[in-house]
Amino acid sequence: MIPSVLAQHIKEGISDFLKTTFPISTPFFHGMLERFLEKEGEVFKGPYLSIQLPFRPGKIGKDFFKDFSIPFNPYMHQEIAFMRLSGLSPRSTIIATGTGSGKTECFLYPILDYCLKQKGKPGIKAILIYPMNALATDQAGRLARIIYNNSAFRGKITAGLYVGQSEYEPSMSMGQEHLITNKETMRLSPPDILLTNYKMLDYMLIRPKDYPLWKQNLPETLRYIVVDELHTFDGAQGTDLACLIRRLKARLGIPKGYLCCVGTSATLGNKEDQKELISYASMLFGEEFDEGSVITESQLSPDEFLEDSPIIWIESVPIERQELLDPQNHQGYQDYIMAQHELWFGERIKEDEFNDSNWRIELGRKLKRHFFFQNLLRILGGNVKSYGEITSELEKIYPELKEWSLRYKTLLLDSLLSLVSEARNFQKDGGDKNTFPFLNVRMHFWIRELRRMVGKVSQDPQLRFSDDLNEDQLKNHLPIVHCRECGSMGWAGIKGQDDKFINPDLQEFYIRFFKNDHKVVFLFPEDNKNSEDKENSINGAYVAHVLVLILKMSGEDVPFVEVMNSSES
């Protein structure tokens, strides 16, 4: 990944889409949208950079559970989840860790451990609720592989996927890549673990034909209920889910405080908001969540990660070699990466070795011993920062950077980050996947929604967000309108028959516009063409009459054509 190229492609793609969606045929406004999109920080924010350091490893290892081993060494947050969710009295938990942190494993292995201990006892022991069928289907394949590849689970634990969509040939048994999906099979012999969505769970509780699913459940049979992507269940949907969970507990006669509830999310877990999160989860599930119920990720600090990595390389790429840092000056991605490796470490990768993983594993070790890379990690400190913030901090360490252009500093960062993205780590006992990313480089690019748009009334019109303007500035800005049929662009506002001025109040304009009020007027700047031509180019549904006037709002005289909305025309 070359961050600068990727970010630029995203920006250009969205800009091209907007320019194609809103073509402007009115000469007076030509170039206004382009200038608006190119203005730094107006529509596009970023890119922002974060480098995710490794998660802190756990202490117990693969043999946490007595009856089986897991195929990986768990992270610290996974180990904490295992301790909370396992045993005779599992505690309700919120797993609020980032993408790629192994949230599913946090609750899945305790559930499998419980099902293994309940082997031979009928009934559904765990329900996993997903907001979308696609997520449920994806996790079903994952669970199938975990059960199939572990001899302790295979043939002893069953799991089924019960969603609305029907397969052409639903599975009546479990396999390496699939769970039970035949609904009649699950009714006759309910699985230990049921994957579904909340709408389908609602149907399962009220449809007579689904009654057999719950027939074998005693009050203590169902032990776990998991809601994936907890943050998506808010508002009315959250209320529906809360009622559904209460109906489920009442239907099965589950005692108060017995059900272990689990919520997962990669977007929750801010320490300042944990009390609200615990309160929200308690209301949603109708169960108690204690103060330690929110599990967040724990990552190594830069100093811990760089421990035992003495500095060997100190110098960065000098300004004299700036053009070699630019991806556009190379024949392709491979040529660019090979050149960057040589610029930073003085050694060029051989072309016939580029597809091997050995040099990428060695690259990770080299990066940890480079002074510039170590400083970059410490500046980020596990946080998200803009390029401007990063370069400002780097200038304190490398004063010579202050003298060089922003382009050079951006290319320098992109060059190093492209190498970080290429580097790999080696994982013992990794099977077919014995290498994994050295570090996760994340580029954050924010795009602002184009809403409440206004244009300055002047000979040099400017497109602006009304929310960014103060009260005085709003007086010389009017809402912008655009015709999708002919591409004409103009201003709009409120003007009574005897009014001498256009009312620029945006909220009143929206109210009157959607009421088709006759006071709504559309103002199209003159382009020295015949007024009749202009009238014919405007959507006829709004045309009652055309007047050539002078608009005075910002101290400038702007000739325009007024198209008044009249419901009587």
Protein backbone atom coordinates (compact mmCIF):
# COMPACT_ATOMS: atom_id res chain seq x y z
CA MET A 1 0.00 0.00 0.00
CA ILE A 2 1.27 3.46 -0.91
CA PRO A 3 -0.72 5.78 1.42
CA SER A 4 -0.38 8.93 -0.67
CA VAL A 5 -1.53 7.22 -3.86
CA LEU A 6 -4.44 5.49 -2.12
CA ALA A 7 -5.62 8.69 -0.42
CA GLN A 8 -5.31 10.66 -3.66
CA HIS A 9 -7.27 8.04 -5.60
CA ILE A 10 -10.09 8.19 -3.05
CA LYS A 11 -10.18 11.97 -3.18
CA GLU A 12 -10.09 12.10 -6.98
CA GLY A 13 -12.75 9.39 -7.31
CA ILE A 14 -15.21 11.21 -5.05
CA SER A 15 -14.45 14.57 -6.66
CA ASP A 16 -15.07 13.14 -10.13
CA PHE A 17 -18.34 11.60 -8.94
CA LEU A 18 -19.57 14.93 -7.55
CA LYS A 19 -18.57 16.85 -10.66
CA THR A 20 -20.31 14.29 -12.86
CA THR A 21 -23.43 14.27 -10.68
CA PHE A 22 -23.68 18.07 -10.64
CA PRO A 23 -22.56 19.31 -14.08
CA ILE A 24 -22.86 23.10 -14.26
CA SER A 25 -24.12 24.61 -17.51
CA THR A 26 -24.49 28.15 -16.14
CA PRO A 27 -21.31 30.04 -17.19
CA PHE A 28 -21.46 32.33 -14.15
CA PHE A 29 -20.85 29.36 -11.83
CA HIS A 30 -18.22 27.58 -13.91
CA GLY A 31 -15.34 26.37 -11.74
CA MET A 32 -17.15 27.02 -8.44
CA LEU A 33 -17.55 23.33 -7.55
CA GLU A 34 -13.96 22.54 -8.56
CA ARG A 35 -12.60 25.37 -6.39
CA PHE A 36 -14.74 24.18 -3.50
CA LEU A 37 -13.52 20.56 -3.75
CA GLU A 38 -9.87 21.60 -4.05
CA LYS A 39 -9.94 23.84 -0.98
CA GLU A 40 -7.95 22.18 1.78
CA GLY A 41 -10.06 20.93 4.66
CA GLU A 42 -13.39 21.99 3.16
CA VAL A 43 -14.86 18.67 2.00
CA PHE A 44 -11.96 16.30 2.61
CA LYS A 45 -10.22 15.94 5.96
CA GLY A 46 -7.00 14.03 6.12
CA PRO A 47 -5.40 11.77 5.57
CA TYR A 48 -4.80 10.89 9.21
CA LEU A 49 -2.39 8.17 10.19
CA SER A 50 -2.33 5.52 12.87
CA ILE A 51 -0.02 2.54 13.27
CA GLN A 52 -1.56 -0.17 15.39
CA LEU A 53 1.00 -1.76 17.66
CA PRO A 54 0.62 -5.46 18.62
CA PHE A 55 -1.92 -6.41 21.25
CA ARG A 56 -0.49 -7.29 24.64
CA PRO A 57 -0.11 -11.09 24.87
CA GLY A 58 -1.83 -13.10 27.59
CA LYS A 59 0.01 -15.14 30.21
CA ILE A 60 -1.70 -18.53 30.29
CA GLY A 61 -1.30 -19.52 26.63
CA LYS A 62 -3.13 -22.12 24.55
CA ASP A 63 -4.12 -24.34 27.49
CA PHE A 64 -6.49 -21.95 29.25
CA PHE A 65 -9.36 -24.44 28.99
CA LYS A 66 -9.00 -27.85 30.64
CA ASP A 67 -10.79 -29.97 28.04
CA PHE A 68 -9.21 -28.57 24.88
CA SER A 69 -6.44 -26.38 23.52
CA ILE A 70 -6.93 -23.34 21.34
CA PRO A 71 -4.83 -22.95 18.17
CA PHE A 72 -3.27 -19.60 19.15
CA ASN A 73 -1.78 -17.75 22.08
CA PRO A 74 -4.57 -15.42 23.23
CA TYR A 75 -4.12 -11.69 23.71
CA MET A 76 -4.53 -10.21 27.16
CA HIS A 77 -8.03 -8.90 26.42
CA GLN A 78 -9.06 -12.35 25.14
CA GLU A 79 -7.72 -13.95 28.30
CA ILE A 80 -9.67 -11.50 30.45
CA ALA A 81 -12.81 -12.36 28.45
CA PHE A 82 -12.17 -16.08 28.95
CA MET A 83 -11.95 -15.57 32.71
CA ARG A 84 -15.18 -13.57 32.84
CA LEU A 85 -17.21 -15.79 30.52
CA SER A 86 -16.07 -19.25 31.66
CA GLY A 87 -16.76 -21.35 34.71
CA LEU A 88 -19.85 -21.98 36.81
CA SER A 89 -20.88 -18.33 37.06
CA PRO A 90 -20.05 -16.47 33.83
CA ARG A 91 -20.55 -12.70 34.04
CA SER A 92 -22.20 -10.49 31.46
CA THR A 93 -19.56 -8.70 29.39
CA ILE A 94 -19.12 -6.05 26.71
CA ILE A 95 -16.21 -6.73 24.35
CA ALA A 96 -15.23 -3.34 22.94
CA THR A 97 -11.99 -3.98 21.07
CA GLY A 98 -10.86 -2.89 17.62
CA THR A 99 -11.12 -4.56 14.24
CA GLY A 100 -8.85 -7.61 13.97
CA SER A 101 -8.57 -8.01 17.75
CA GLY A 102 -10.32 -11.40 17.90
CA LYS A 103 -13.64 -10.33 19.43
CA THR A 104 -15.41 -13.46 18.21
CA GLU A 105 -12.90 -15.75 19.91
CA CYS A 106 -13.45 -13.88 23.18
CA PHE A 107 -16.94 -15.32 23.61
CA LEU A 108 -16.86 -18.30 21.26
CA TYR A 109 -14.41 -20.50 23.17
CA PRO A 110 -16.18 -20.05 26.54
CA ILE A 111 -19.44 -20.99 24.82
CA LEU A 112 -17.84 -24.07 23.23
CA ASP A 113 -16.40 -25.00 26.62
CA TYR A 114 -19.87 -24.79 28.18
CA CYS A 115 -21.47 -26.83 25.38
CA LEU A 116 -18.78 -29.47 25.76
CA LYS A 117 -19.53 -29.76 29.47
CA GLN A 118 -23.26 -30.07 28.66
CA LYS A 119 -22.65 -32.80 26.08
CA GLY A 120 -25.66 -35.05 25.69
CA LYS A 121 -28.13 -32.59 27.20
CA PRO A 122 -30.68 -31.39 24.62
CA GLY A 123 -31.71 -27.80 23.93
CA ILE A 124 -30.24 -24.53 22.68
CA LYS A 125 -27.43 -23.42 24.98
CA ALA A 126 -26.28 -20.24 23.26
CA ILE A 127 -27.86 -17.76 20.84
CA LEU A 128 -25.71 -15.47 18.69
CA ILE A 129 -27.64 -12.51 17.24
CA TYR A 130 -26.26 -10.60 14.25
CA PRO A 131 -27.63 -7.36 12.73
CA MET A 132 -27.33 -8.67 9.16
CA ASN A 133 -27.61 -12.07 7.48
CA ALA A 134 -24.28 -11.49 5.75
CA LEU A 135 -22.50 -11.23 9.12
CA ALA A 136 -24.30 -14.29 10.45
CA THR A 137 -23.36 -16.31 7.35
CA ASP A 138 -19.72 -15.21 7.54
CA GLN A 139 -19.46 -16.14 11.22
CA ALA A 140 -21.23 -19.46 10.54
CA GLY A 141 -18.40 -20.53 8.24
CA ARG A 142 -15.86 -19.44 10.82
CA LEU A 143 -17.57 -21.40 13.60
CA ALA A 144 -17.86 -24.46 11.35
CA ARG A 145 -14.11 -24.48 10.77
CA ILE A 146 -13.33 -24.08 14.47
CA ILE A 147 -15.56 -27.00 15.42
CA TYR A 148 -14.42 -29.24 12.55
CA ASN A 149 -10.69 -28.65 13.06
CA ASN A 150 -10.73 -29.44 16.80
CA SER A 151 -11.20 -33.11 17.68
CA ALA A 152 -12.57 -32.10 21.09
CA PHE A 153 -15.53 -30.38 19.36
CA ARG A 154 -16.14 -32.35 16.18
CA GLY A 155 -19.12 -34.67 16.55
CA LYS A 156 -19.83 -33.44 20.09
CA ILE A 157 -21.12 -29.89 19.52
CA THR A 158 -23.74 -28.84 16.97
CA ALA A 159 -24.45 -25.36 15.61
CA GLY A 160 -27.07 -24.08 13.21
CA LEU A 161 -27.68 -20.99 11.10
CA TYR A 162 -31.34 -19.95 11.15
CA VAL A 163 -31.98 -16.87 9.00
CA GLY A 164 -34.74 -15.77 6.66
CA GLN A 165 -33.12 -16.56 3.33
CA SER A 166 -33.40 -20.17 2.17
CA GLU A 167 -30.58 -22.10 0.55
CA TYR A 168 -31.07 -24.16 -2.59
CA GLU A 169 -29.82 -27.26 -0.77
CA PRO A 170 -29.86 -26.55 3.00
CA SER A 171 -27.42 -28.61 5.05
CA MET A 172 -28.85 -31.25 7.34
CA SER A 173 -25.52 -31.81 9.08
CA MET A 174 -22.35 -29.90 9.91
CA GLY A 175 -19.28 -29.79 7.70
CA GLN A 176 -15.88 -28.17 7.50
CA GLU A 177 -17.26 -25.01 5.90
CA HIS A 178 -20.91 -24.93 6.95
CA LEU A 179 -23.29 -25.33 9.86
CA ILE A 180 -26.73 -26.94 9.86
CA THR A 181 -29.02 -24.73 7.78
CA ASN A 182 -32.01 -27.03 7.25
CA LYS A 183 -34.75 -25.53 9.43
CA GLU A 184 -36.71 -28.77 9.77
CA THR A 185 -33.58 -30.56 10.98
CA MET A 186 -33.05 -27.88 13.64
CA ARG A 187 -36.68 -28.13 14.75
CA LEU A 188 -36.38 -31.89 15.20
CA SER A 189 -33.00 -31.67 16.90
CA PRO A 190 -32.18 -28.15 18.13
CA PRO A 191 -28.47 -27.25 17.88
CA ASP A 192 -26.33 -26.36 20.88
CA ILE A 193 -25.49 -22.99 19.32
CA LEU A 194 -27.97 -21.01 17.22
CA LEU A 195 -26.91 -18.17 14.90
CA THR A 196 -29.68 -15.84 13.76
CA ASN A 197 -30.86 -12.23 13.51
CA TYR A 198 -33.27 -10.51 15.86
CA LYS A 199 -36.15 -10.45 13.37
CA MET A 200 -35.93 -14.19 12.79
CA LEU A 201 -35.63 -14.82 16.54
CA ASP A 202 -38.90 -12.92 16.92
CA TYR A 203 -40.56 -15.25 14.38
CA MET A 204 -39.14 -18.31 16.13
CA LEU A 205 -40.87 -17.28 19.35
CA ILE A 206 -44.33 -16.79 17.82
CA ARG A 207 -44.61 -19.26 14.91
CA PRO A 208 -46.25 -22.57 15.87
CA LYS A 209 -44.01 -24.52 13.49
CA ASP A 210 -40.93 -23.29 15.39
CA TYR A 211 -42.26 -24.43 18.77
CA PRO A 212 -40.11 -27.62 18.71
CA LEU A 213 -36.96 -25.46 18.77
CA TRP A 214 -37.66 -24.52 22.41
CA LYS A 215 -39.48 -27.65 23.57
CA GLN A 216 -36.37 -29.26 25.09
CA ASN A 217 -35.07 -26.09 26.80
CA LEU A 218 -35.24 -26.14 30.58
CA PRO A 219 -34.91 -22.82 32.50
CA GLU A 220 -31.17 -23.44 32.95
CA THR A 221 -30.40 -24.72 29.43
CA LEU A 222 -29.85 -21.42 27.63
CA ARG A 223 -26.73 -19.91 29.23
CA TYR A 224 -25.42 -17.33 26.74
CA ILE A 225 -26.93 -14.71 24.49
CA VAL A 226 -24.56 -12.68 22.31
CA VAL A 227 -25.40 -9.53 20.35
CA ASP A 228 -22.79 -8.72 17.72
CA GLU A 229 -22.26 -5.09 16.63
CA LEU A 230 -24.05 -3.85 19.73
CA HIS A 231 -23.81 -0.21 18.64
CA THR A 232 -26.19 -0.83 15.71
CA PHE A 233 -29.07 -1.57 18.08
CA ASP A 234 -30.11 1.91 19.11
CA GLY A 235 -33.35 3.83 19.02
CA ALA A 236 -36.42 1.86 17.96
CA GLN A 237 -34.35 -1.17 16.95
CA GLY A 238 -32.73 -1.26 20.38
CA THR A 239 -36.15 -1.09 22.02
CA ASP A 240 -37.37 -3.97 19.83
CA LEU A 241 -34.36 -6.08 20.78
CA ALA A 242 -34.76 -5.31 24.50
CA CYS A 243 -38.40 -6.44 24.39
CA LEU A 244 -37.43 -9.54 22.40
CA ILE A 245 -34.82 -10.61 24.97
CA ARG A 246 -37.33 -10.19 27.78
CA ARG A 247 -39.89 -12.26 25.90
CA LEU A 248 -37.28 -14.96 25.30
CA LYS A 249 -36.40 -15.15 28.99
CA ALA A 250 -40.08 -15.25 29.95
CA ARG A 251 -40.85 -17.92 27.35
CA LEU A 252 -38.06 -20.20 28.60
CA GLY A 253 -38.53 -19.35 32.28
CA ILE A 254 -34.91 -18.26 32.70
CA PRO A 255 -34.23 -17.07 36.27
CA LYS A 256 -33.20 -13.47 36.87
CA GLY A 257 -29.41 -13.10 36.81
CA TYR A 258 -28.80 -16.53 35.23
CA LEU A 259 -28.36 -15.57 31.56
CA CYS A 260 -24.85 -14.44 30.60
CA CYS A 261 -25.19 -11.60 28.11
CA VAL A 262 -22.42 -10.52 25.74
CA GLY A 263 -22.25 -7.47 23.47
CA THR A 264 -19.47 -6.79 20.97
CA SER A 265 -18.45 -3.66 19.13
CA ALA A 266 -15.36 -2.18 17.53
CA THR A 267 -16.69 1.38 17.88
CA LEU A 268 -17.55 1.42 21.59
CA GLY A 269 -15.32 1.32 24.63
CA ASN A 270 -14.16 4.89 25.21
CA LYS A 271 -13.15 4.99 28.86
CA GLU A 272 -15.02 8.25 29.46
CA ASP A 273 -18.26 6.70 28.21
CA GLN A 274 -18.06 3.32 29.92
CA LYS A 275 -20.62 4.14 32.60
CA GLU A 276 -23.17 5.07 29.95
CA LEU A 277 -22.28 1.96 27.97
CA ILE A 278 -22.81 -0.28 31.01
CA SER A 279 -26.14 1.42 31.73
CA TYR A 280 -27.21 0.98 28.10
CA ALA A 281 -26.27 -2.72 28.06
CA SER A 282 -28.08 -3.32 31.36
CA MET A 283 -31.29 -1.81 29.96
CA LEU A 284 -30.97 -3.65 26.64
CA PHE A 285 -30.39 -7.12 28.10
CA GLY A 286 -32.31 -6.65 31.35
CA GLU A 287 -29.34 -8.04 33.27
CA GLU A 288 -26.68 -6.55 35.53
CA PHE A 289 -23.31 -5.51 34.11
CA ASP A 290 -20.69 -4.79 36.79
CA GLU A 291 -18.05 -2.04 36.67
CA GLY A 292 -15.43 -4.32 35.11
CA SER A 293 -17.74 -5.64 32.41
CA VAL A 294 -16.27 -3.56 29.56
CA ILE A 295 -13.21 -5.21 28.05
CA THR A 296 -11.04 -2.96 25.90
CA GLU A 297 -7.91 -3.78 23.97
CA SER A 298 -4.45 -3.46 25.48
CA GLN A 299 -1.60 -2.71 23.09
CA LEU A 300 2.13 -2.63 23.62
CA SER A 301 3.64 0.80 24.11
CA PRO A 302 6.24 1.97 21.56
CA ASP A 303 9.01 1.40 24.12
CA GLU A 304 7.81 -2.15 24.81
CA PHE A 305 7.57 -2.89 21.10
CA LEU A 306 11.06 -1.49 20.39
CA GLU A 307 12.67 -3.24 23.35
CA ASP A 308 15.88 -5.08 22.36
CA SER A 309 16.03 -3.16 19.06
CA PRO A 310 19.28 -1.17 19.08
CA ILE A 311 19.52 1.63 16.54
CA ILE A 312 21.60 0.76 13.46
CA TRP A 313 20.23 3.17 10.84
CA ILE A 314 19.99 6.87 11.66
CA GLU A 315 19.77 8.91 8.46
CA SER A 316 16.56 9.56 6.55
CA VAL A 317 16.39 10.00 2.78
CA PRO A 318 18.10 13.31 1.84
CA ILE A 319 16.30 16.06 -0.06
CA GLU A 320 18.60 15.51 -3.03
CA ARG A 321 16.86 12.18 -3.69
CA GLN A 322 13.33 13.54 -3.38
CA GLU A 323 12.27 12.52 -6.88
CA LEU A 324 13.02 8.89 -6.08
CA LEU A 325 10.48 9.10 -3.23
CA ASP A 326 7.68 9.94 -5.66
CA PRO A 327 5.67 6.85 -6.81
CA GLN A 328 4.96 8.53 -10.15
CA ASN A 329 8.66 8.38 -11.02
CA HIS A 330 8.71 4.56 -10.92
CA GLN A 331 7.52 1.98 -13.43
CA GLY A 332 5.25 0.17 -11.04
CA TYR A 333 4.58 -0.85 -7.44
CA GLN A 334 7.39 -3.40 -7.29
CA ASP A 335 9.93 -0.95 -8.68
CA TYR A 336 8.80 1.69 -6.17
CA ILE A 337 9.10 -0.64 -3.15
CA MET A 338 12.52 -1.88 -4.25
CA ALA A 339 13.71 1.71 -4.65
CA GLN A 340 12.39 2.76 -1.22
CA HIS A 341 14.12 -0.18 0.44
CA GLU A 342 17.39 0.93 -1.14
CA LEU A 343 16.85 4.58 -0.14
CA TRP A 344 16.32 3.74 3.53
CA PHE A 345 18.66 0.76 4.01
CA GLY A 346 21.21 1.07 1.19
CA GLU A 347 20.39 -2.33 -0.27
CA ARG A 348 18.21 -3.13 -3.27
CA ILE A 349 15.97 -6.21 -3.27
CA LYS A 350 16.63 -8.63 -6.10
CA GLU A 351 13.79 -8.86 -8.58
CA ASP A 352 13.62 -12.68 -8.43
CA GLU A 353 13.27 -12.51 -4.63
CA PHE A 354 10.54 -9.87 -4.48
CA ASN A 355 7.70 -12.39 -4.07
CA ASP A 356 9.47 -14.26 -1.26
CA SER A 357 8.52 -13.54 2.34
CA ASN A 358 12.06 -13.73 3.75
CA TRP A 359 13.07 -10.16 2.88
CA ARG A 360 9.75 -8.87 4.22
CA ILE A 361 10.35 -10.59 7.56
CA GLU A 362 13.87 -9.15 7.65
CA LEU A 363 12.46 -5.73 6.70
CA GLY A 364 10.40 -5.71 9.91
CA ARG A 365 13.55 -6.29 11.94
CA LYS A 366 15.35 -3.52 10.06
CA LEU A 367 12.55 -1.01 10.60
CA LYS A 368 12.63 -1.57 14.35
CA ARG A 369 16.30 -0.59 14.29
CA HIS A 370 15.84 2.61 12.29
CA PHE A 371 15.93 5.85 14.30
CA PHE A 372 13.38 7.61 12.06
CA PHE A 373 10.86 4.77 12.39
CA GLN A 374 11.31 4.62 16.17
CA ASN A 375 10.64 8.35 16.41
CA LEU A 376 7.54 8.01 14.23
CA LEU A 377 6.10 5.33 16.54
CA ARG A 378 6.77 7.44 19.63
CA ILE A 379 5.21 10.53 18.02
CA LEU A 380 2.05 8.58 17.18
CA GLY A 381 1.96 6.90 20.58
CA GLY A 382 -0.82 4.59 19.43
CA ASN A 383 -3.05 7.56 18.51
CA VAL A 384 -4.42 8.96 15.24
CA LYS A 385 -2.62 12.08 13.98
CA SER A 386 -2.61 14.15 10.82
CA TYR A 387 0.44 14.43 8.60
CA GLY A 388 0.78 18.05 9.72
CA GLU A 389 0.93 17.07 13.39
CA ILE A 390 3.45 14.33 12.65
CA THR A 391 5.77 16.52 10.59
CA SER A 392 5.65 19.26 13.24
CA GLU A 393 6.88 16.77 15.84
CA LEU A 394 9.50 15.36 13.47
CA GLU A 395 10.87 18.88 12.90
CA LYS A 396 11.73 19.06 16.58
CA ILE A 397 13.93 15.98 16.16
CA TYR A 398 15.18 16.80 12.65
CA PRO A 399 15.43 20.65 12.53
CA GLU A 400 16.54 20.51 8.88
CA LEU A 401 13.04 19.40 7.89
CA LYS A 402 11.75 22.92 8.61
CA GLU A 403 13.61 24.16 5.55
CA TRP A 404 12.11 21.66 3.16
CA SER A 405 8.78 21.64 1.33
CA LEU A 406 5.59 19.95 2.47
CA ARG A 407 5.78 17.74 -0.62
CA TYR A 408 9.16 16.34 0.43
CA LYS A 409 8.00 15.65 3.99
CA THR A 410 4.84 13.94 2.73
CA LEU A 411 6.78 11.79 0.27
CA LEU A 412 9.24 10.88 3.02
CA LEU A 413 6.47 9.65 5.31
CA ASP A 414 4.72 7.79 2.51
CA SER A 415 7.93 6.06 1.53
CA LEU A 416 8.53 4.75 5.04
CA LEU A 417 4.89 3.76 5.53
CA SER A 418 4.88 1.78 2.29
CA LEU A 419 7.77 -0.29 3.70
CA VAL A 420 5.96 -0.76 7.01
CA SER A 421 2.96 -2.06 5.06
CA GLU A 422 5.15 -4.52 3.15
CA ALA A 423 6.97 -5.87 6.22
CA ARG A 424 5.87 -9.16 7.79
CA ASN A 425 6.28 -11.11 11.00
CA PHE A 426 6.77 -14.86 11.27
CA GLN A 427 4.35 -16.91 13.33
CA LYS A 428 5.32 -20.36 14.53
CA ASP A 429 2.66 -23.03 14.15
CA GLY A 430 0.81 -20.71 11.81
CA GLY A 431 0.01 -23.45 9.32
CA ASP A 432 -0.66 -22.12 5.85
CA LYS A 433 -0.66 -18.59 7.23
CA ASN A 434 2.72 -18.47 8.96
CA THR A 435 3.32 -14.80 8.23
CA PHE A 436 1.19 -11.82 9.23
CA PRO A 437 1.53 -8.03 8.91
CA PHE A 438 4.43 -6.49 10.79
CA LEU A 439 2.17 -3.62 11.90
CA ASN A 440 -1.25 -2.43 10.75
CA VAL A 441 -0.96 0.91 8.96
CA ARG A 442 -4.30 2.70 8.89
CA MET A 443 -5.12 5.74 6.80
CA HIS A 444 -8.20 7.66 7.94
CA PHE A 445 -9.87 9.88 5.35
CA TRP A 446 -12.93 11.92 6.33
CA ILE A 447 -15.46 13.20 3.82
CA ARG A 448 -17.97 15.84 4.84
CA GLU A 449 -21.62 15.46 3.85
CA LEU A 450 -22.77 18.08 1.34
CA ARG A 451 -25.76 19.46 3.20
CA ARG A 452 -27.12 22.98 3.90
CA MET A 453 -25.04 24.35 1.02
CA VAL A 454 -25.14 28.06 0.21
CA GLY A 455 -23.39 30.29 -2.29
CA LYS A 456 -22.01 33.77 -1.86
CA VAL A 457 -23.88 36.36 -3.93
CA SER A 458 -21.07 38.13 -5.77
CA GLN A 459 -19.28 38.29 -9.11
CA ASP A 460 -17.01 35.54 -7.74
CA PRO A 461 -19.51 33.04 -6.24
CA GLN A 462 -18.21 30.64 -3.63
CA LEU A 463 -19.84 27.44 -2.44
CA ARG A 464 -19.91 27.18 1.37
CA PHE A 465 -21.34 25.14 4.20
CA SER A 466 -23.90 27.36 5.91
CA ASP A 467 -22.96 25.82 9.27
CA ASP A 468 -19.47 27.34 8.89
CA LEU A 469 -20.75 30.90 8.46
CA ASN A 470 -21.55 33.47 11.10
CA GLU A 471 -24.70 35.58 11.19
CA ASP A 472 -23.23 38.46 9.16
CA GLN A 473 -21.82 36.13 6.49
CA LEU A 474 -25.16 34.37 6.08
CA LYS A 475 -26.73 37.67 5.02
CA ASN A 476 -24.90 37.63 1.68
CA HIS A 477 -25.28 33.90 1.00
CA LEU A 478 -28.30 32.15 -0.52
CA PRO A 479 -29.18 28.46 -0.95
CA ILE A 480 -27.76 26.94 -4.14
CA VAL A 481 -30.09 25.09 -6.52
CA HIS A 482 -29.13 22.83 -9.42
CA CYS A 483 -31.27 21.40 -12.23
CA ARG A 484 -30.52 17.74 -12.89
CA GLU A 485 -32.01 17.91 -16.38
CA CYS A 486 -30.10 20.82 -17.91
CA GLY A 487 -27.33 21.52 -15.37
CA SER A 488 -28.43 25.11 -14.69
CA MET A 489 -27.28 26.46 -11.34
CA GLY A 490 -28.51 29.45 -9.41
CA TRP A 491 -29.50 30.85 -6.05
CA ALA A 492 -32.83 30.49 -4.31
CA GLY A 493 -34.61 32.38 -1.57
CA ILE A 494 -37.87 33.77 -0.24
CA LYS A 495 -39.41 36.90 -1.80
CA GLY A 496 -42.95 38.19 -1.56
CA GLN A 497 -44.56 40.14 -4.37
CA ASP A 498 -43.97 43.50 -2.68
CA ASP A 499 -40.64 42.62 -1.01
CA LYS A 500 -37.62 44.62 -2.08
CA PHE A 501 -35.08 42.10 -0.74
CA ILE A 502 -34.50 38.36 -0.91
CA ASN A 503 -34.86 36.59 2.44
CA PRO A 504 -31.75 34.38 2.90
CA ASP A 505 -33.10 32.46 5.92
CA LEU A 506 -32.20 28.85 5.13
CA GLN A 507 -34.66 27.12 7.44
CA GLU A 508 -37.60 29.16 6.18
CA PHE A 509 -36.53 28.42 2.62
CA TYR A 510 -36.58 24.65 3.25
CA ILE A 511 -40.03 24.82 4.85
CA ARG A 512 -41.52 26.89 2.04
CA PHE A 513 -39.75 24.92 -0.71
CA PHE A 514 -41.27 21.61 0.35
CA LYS A 515 -44.66 23.26 0.68
CA ASN A 516 -44.34 24.50 -2.91
CA ASP A 517 -44.88 28.03 -1.59
CA HIS A 518 -45.31 30.77 -4.21
CA LYS A 519 -42.79 32.98 -2.37
CA VAL A 520 -39.92 30.67 -3.30
CA VAL A 521 -37.86 32.25 -6.08
CA PHE A 522 -34.94 30.93 -8.12
CA LEU A 523 -32.27 33.36 -9.27
CA PHE A 524 -30.15 32.55 -12.32
CA PRO A 525 -27.30 34.97 -13.26
CA GLU A 526 -27.49 36.46 -16.73
CA ASP A 527 -24.96 35.25 -19.29
CA ASN A 528 -25.70 37.86 -21.97
CA LYS A 529 -28.06 35.48 -23.76
CA ASN A 530 -31.66 36.05 -24.67
CA SER A 531 -33.92 35.78 -21.61
CA GLU A 532 -36.25 33.48 -23.50
CA ASP A 533 -33.39 31.01 -24.01
CA LYS A 534 -32.73 31.11 -20.29
CA GLU A 535 -36.42 30.60 -19.53
CA ASN A 536 -36.56 27.60 -21.82
CA SER A 537 -33.51 26.02 -20.17
CA ILE A 538 -35.08 26.09 -16.71
CA ASN A 539 -37.41 23.41 -15.43
CA GLY A 540 -40.80 24.65 -16.67
CA ALA A 541 -42.64 23.38 -13.59
CA TYR A 542 -41.46 26.44 -11.68
CA VAL A 543 -41.66 29.14 -14.36
CA ALA A 544 -44.42 31.75 -14.04
CA HIS A 545 -42.60 34.76 -15.43
CA VAL A 546 -39.06 35.97 -15.98
CA LEU A 547 -37.69 39.33 -14.92
CA VAL A 548 -34.20 40.75 -15.49
CA LEU A 549 -33.19 42.38 -12.19
CA ILE A 550 -30.15 43.51 -10.22
CA LEU A 551 -29.42 41.56 -7.03
CA LYS A 552 -27.74 43.62 -4.31
CA MET A 553 -26.73 41.64 -1.24
CA SER A 554 -23.00 41.82 -0.85
CA GLY A 555 -22.16 45.25 -2.14
CA GLU A 556 -21.88 43.96 -5.69
CA ASP A 557 -24.34 44.28 -8.57
CA VAL A 558 -25.15 40.86 -9.99
CA PRO A 559 -27.54 40.72 -12.96
CA PHE A 560 -29.82 37.70 -12.78
CA VAL A 561 -32.97 36.14 -14.07
CA GLU A 562 -35.65 35.65 -11.42
CA VAL A 563 -37.81 32.58 -11.84
CA MET A 564 -40.73 32.81 -9.44
CA ASN A 565 -42.50 29.72 -8.23
CA SER A 566 -46.26 29.96 -8.72
CA SER A 567 -48.65 27.14 -7.96
CA GLU A 568 -51.19 28.88 -10.20
CA SER A 569 -49.06 28.76 -13.35
